[in-house]
Amino acid sequence: MLAVSRALMTQPDYLVVDEPSLGLAPEAVARLYSVLARLRHDYGIGVVLAEQNVRLALQVADFAYVLRAGKVVAEGPCERLLDSGILHDAYLGLP
């Protein structure tokens, strides 16, 4: 939260966040993601997010790129990615 707060002091148009849930307790992760969602919806700040917790990231994002071994294996609106088998295939290494 401190890092996000410091970044917001510069009044950015976009906030780039790398692995925000890493090492945090589930309650802290929930609070942080709530803040990220509010930044997007209430303040119009774009959030570029790199996150391994795919389901959580897709719940707050509009559009996603799914990478495997550094290559894009899926991309699209989050609703479509969540409702399809694309994530399952991408993470199990299926074509």
C-alpha atoms as a PDB file:
ATOM      1  CA  MET A   1       0.000   0.000   0.000  1.00  0.00           C
ATOM      2  CA  LEU A   2       2.881   2.335   0.730  1.00  0.00           C
ATOM      3  CA  ALA A   3       4.368   1.781  -2.728  1.00  0.00           C
ATOM      4  CA  VAL A   4       0.998   2.425  -4.376  1.00  0.00           C
ATOM      5  CA  SER A   5       0.498   5.541  -2.253  1.00  0.00           C
ATOM      6  CA  ARG A   6       3.917   6.892  -3.175  1.00  0.00           C
ATOM      7  CA  ALA A   7       3.253   6.270  -6.859  1.00  0.00           C
ATOM      8  CA  LEU A   8      -0.105   8.045  -6.653  1.00  0.00           C
ATOM      9  CA  MET A   9       1.563  11.187  -5.301  1.00  0.00           C
ATOM     10  CA  THR A  10       2.868  11.821  -8.818  1.00  0.00           C
ATOM     11  CA  GLN A  11      -0.726  11.872 -10.165  1.00  0.00           C
ATOM     12  CA  PRO A  12      -0.062   9.249 -12.844  1.00  0.00           C
ATOM     13  CA  ASP A  13      -2.287   8.427 -15.793  1.00  0.00           C
ATOM     14  CA  TYR A  14      -1.169   4.798 -15.471  1.00  0.00           C
ATOM     15  CA  LEU A  15       0.081   2.707 -12.597  1.00  0.00           C
ATOM     16  CA  VAL A  16       2.356  -0.258 -13.373  1.00  0.00           C
ATOM     17  CA  VAL A  17       2.185  -2.966 -10.721  1.00  0.00           C
ATOM     18  CA  ASP A  18       4.319  -6.138 -10.734  1.00  0.00           C
ATOM     19  CA  GLU A  19       3.136  -9.115  -8.653  1.00  0.00           C
ATOM     20  CA  PRO A  20       1.235  -7.111  -6.036  1.00  0.00           C
ATOM     21  CA  SER A  21      -0.084 -10.217  -4.260  1.00  0.00           C
ATOM     22  CA  LEU A  22       3.333 -11.820  -3.812  1.00  0.00           C
ATOM     23  CA  GLY A  23       3.997 -12.557  -0.143  1.00  0.00           C
ATOM     24  CA  LEU A  24       0.876 -10.838   1.161  1.00  0.00           C
ATOM     25  CA  ALA A  25      -1.772 -12.310   3.421  1.00  0.00           C
ATOM     26  CA  PRO A  26      -5.096 -12.972   1.660  1.00  0.00           C
ATOM     27  CA  GLU A  27      -6.797 -10.123   3.544  1.00  0.00           C
ATOM     28  CA  ALA A  28      -4.097  -7.671   2.439  1.00  0.00           C
ATOM     29  CA  VAL A  29      -4.383  -8.900  -1.159  1.00  0.00           C
ATOM     30  CA  ALA A  30      -8.141  -8.343  -1.097  1.00  0.00           C
ATOM     31  CA  ARG A  31      -7.671  -4.794   0.207  1.00  0.00           C
ATOM     32  CA  LEU A  32      -4.984  -3.997  -2.344  1.00  0.00           C
ATOM     33  CA  TYR A  33      -7.053  -5.275  -5.256  1.00  0.00           C
ATOM     34  CA  SER A  34     -10.018  -3.285  -3.984  1.00  0.00           C
ATOM     35  CA  VAL A  35      -7.845  -0.160  -4.129  1.00  0.00           C
ATOM     36  CA  LEU A  36      -6.622  -1.007  -7.644  1.00  0.00           C
ATOM     37  CA  ALA A  37     -10.213  -1.473  -8.830  1.00  0.00           C
ATOM     38  CA  ARG A  38     -11.227   1.879  -7.293  1.00  0.00           C
ATOM     39  CA  LEU A  39      -8.303   3.632  -8.974  1.00  0.00           C
ATOM     40  CA  ARG A  40      -9.551   2.380 -12.325  1.00  0.00           C
ATOM     41  CA  HIS A  41     -13.253   2.960 -11.836  1.00  0.00           C
ATOM     42  CA  ASP A  42     -13.389   6.067  -9.648  1.00  0.00           C
ATOM     43  CA  TYR A  43     -10.285   7.981 -10.729  1.00  0.00           C
ATOM     44  CA  GLY A  44      -9.694   6.835 -14.306  1.00  0.00           C
ATOM     45  CA  ILE A  45      -6.136   5.694 -13.613  1.00  0.00           C
ATOM     46  CA  GLY A  46      -5.075   2.893 -15.927  1.00  0.00           C
ATOM     47  CA  VAL A  47      -3.497  -0.083 -14.203  1.00  0.00           C
ATOM     48  CA  VAL A  48      -0.964  -2.272 -15.997  1.00  0.00           C
ATOM     49  CA  LEU A  49      -0.721  -5.411 -13.912  1.00  0.00           C
ATOM     50  CA  ALA A  50       1.649  -8.398 -14.033  1.00  0.00           C
ATOM     51  CA  GLU A  51       0.248 -11.085 -11.766  1.00  0.00           C
ATOM     52  CA  GLN A  52       0.462 -14.860 -11.403  1.00  0.00           C
ATOM     53  CA  ASN A  53      -2.859 -15.054  -9.557  1.00  0.00           C
ATOM     54  CA  VAL A  54      -4.741 -15.159 -12.841  1.00  0.00           C
ATOM     55  CA  ARG A  55      -8.303 -15.368 -11.554  1.00  0.00           C
ATOM     56  CA  LEU A  56      -7.781 -12.420  -9.233  1.00  0.00           C
ATOM     57  CA  ALA A  57      -6.129 -10.315 -11.934  1.00  0.00           C
ATOM     58  CA  LEU A  58      -8.865 -11.061 -14.457  1.00  0.00           C
ATOM     59  CA  GLN A  59     -11.527  -9.957 -11.983  1.00  0.00           C
ATOM     60  CA  VAL A  60     -10.175  -6.401 -11.936  1.00  0.00           C
ATOM     61  CA  ALA A  61      -8.844  -6.116 -15.494  1.00  0.00           C
ATOM     62  CA  ASP A  62     -10.628  -5.306 -18.737  1.00  0.00           C
ATOM     63  CA  PHE A  63      -8.173  -6.938 -21.130  1.00  0.00           C
ATOM     64  CA  ALA A  64      -5.439  -9.507 -20.592  1.00  0.00           C
ATOM     65  CA  TYR A  65      -2.480 -11.152 -22.213  1.00  0.00           C
ATOM     66  CA  VAL A  66      -1.657 -14.660 -20.980  1.00  0.00           C
ATOM     67  CA  LEU A  67       2.019 -15.580 -21.280  1.00  0.00           C
ATOM     68  CA  ARG A  68       3.659 -18.997 -21.229  1.00  0.00           C
ATOM     69  CA  ALA A  69       7.449 -19.193 -21.450  1.00  0.00           C
ATOM     70  CA  GLY A  70       7.521 -15.529 -22.481  1.00  0.00           C
ATOM     71  CA  LYS A  71       5.104 -15.927 -25.401  1.00  0.00           C
ATOM     72  CA  VAL A  72       1.540 -14.704 -25.659  1.00  0.00           C
ATOM     73  CA  VAL A  73      -0.707 -17.775 -25.734  1.00  0.00           C
ATOM     74  CA  ALA A  74      -4.013 -15.971 -25.236  1.00  0.00           C
ATOM     75  CA  GLU A  75      -5.340 -12.457 -25.221  1.00  0.00           C
ATOM     76  CA  GLY A  76      -8.679 -10.766 -25.083  1.00  0.00           C
ATOM     77  CA  PRO A  77     -11.386  -9.323 -22.877  1.00  0.00           C
ATOM     78  CA  CYS A  78     -11.214 -10.852 -19.409  1.00  0.00           C
ATOM     79  CA  GLU A  79     -14.802 -12.086 -19.448  1.00  0.00           C
ATOM     80  CA  ARG A  80     -14.063 -14.140 -22.547  1.00  0.00           C
ATOM     81  CA  LEU A  81     -10.865 -15.561 -21.066  1.00  0.00           C
ATOM     82  CA  LEU A  82     -12.602 -16.499 -17.801  1.00  0.00           C
ATOM     83  CA  ASP A  83     -15.526 -18.171 -19.570  1.00  0.00           C
ATOM     84  CA  SER A  84     -13.467 -20.202 -22.027  1.00  0.00           C
ATOM     85  CA  GLY A  85     -11.025 -23.063 -21.630  1.00  0.00           C
ATOM     86  CA  ILE A  86      -8.141 -20.881 -22.827  1.00  0.00           C
ATOM     87  CA  LEU A  87      -6.634 -20.419 -19.357  1.00  0.00           C
ATOM     88  CA  HIS A  88      -6.890 -24.102 -18.566  1.00  0.00           C
ATOM     89  CA  ASP A  89      -5.133 -24.990 -21.803  1.00  0.00           C
ATOM     90  CA  ALA A  90      -2.483 -22.299 -21.396  1.00  0.00           C
ATOM     91  CA  TYR A  91      -1.501 -23.338 -17.887  1.00  0.00           C
ATOM     92  CA  LEU A  92      -1.547 -27.075 -18.531  1.00  0.00           C
ATOM     93  CA  GLY A  93       0.583 -26.632 -21.652  1.00  0.00           C
ATOM     94  CA  LEU A  94      -2.058 -27.857 -24.055  1.00  0.00           C
ATOM     95  CA  PRO A  95      -2.204 -26.477 -27.599  1.00  0.00           C
END
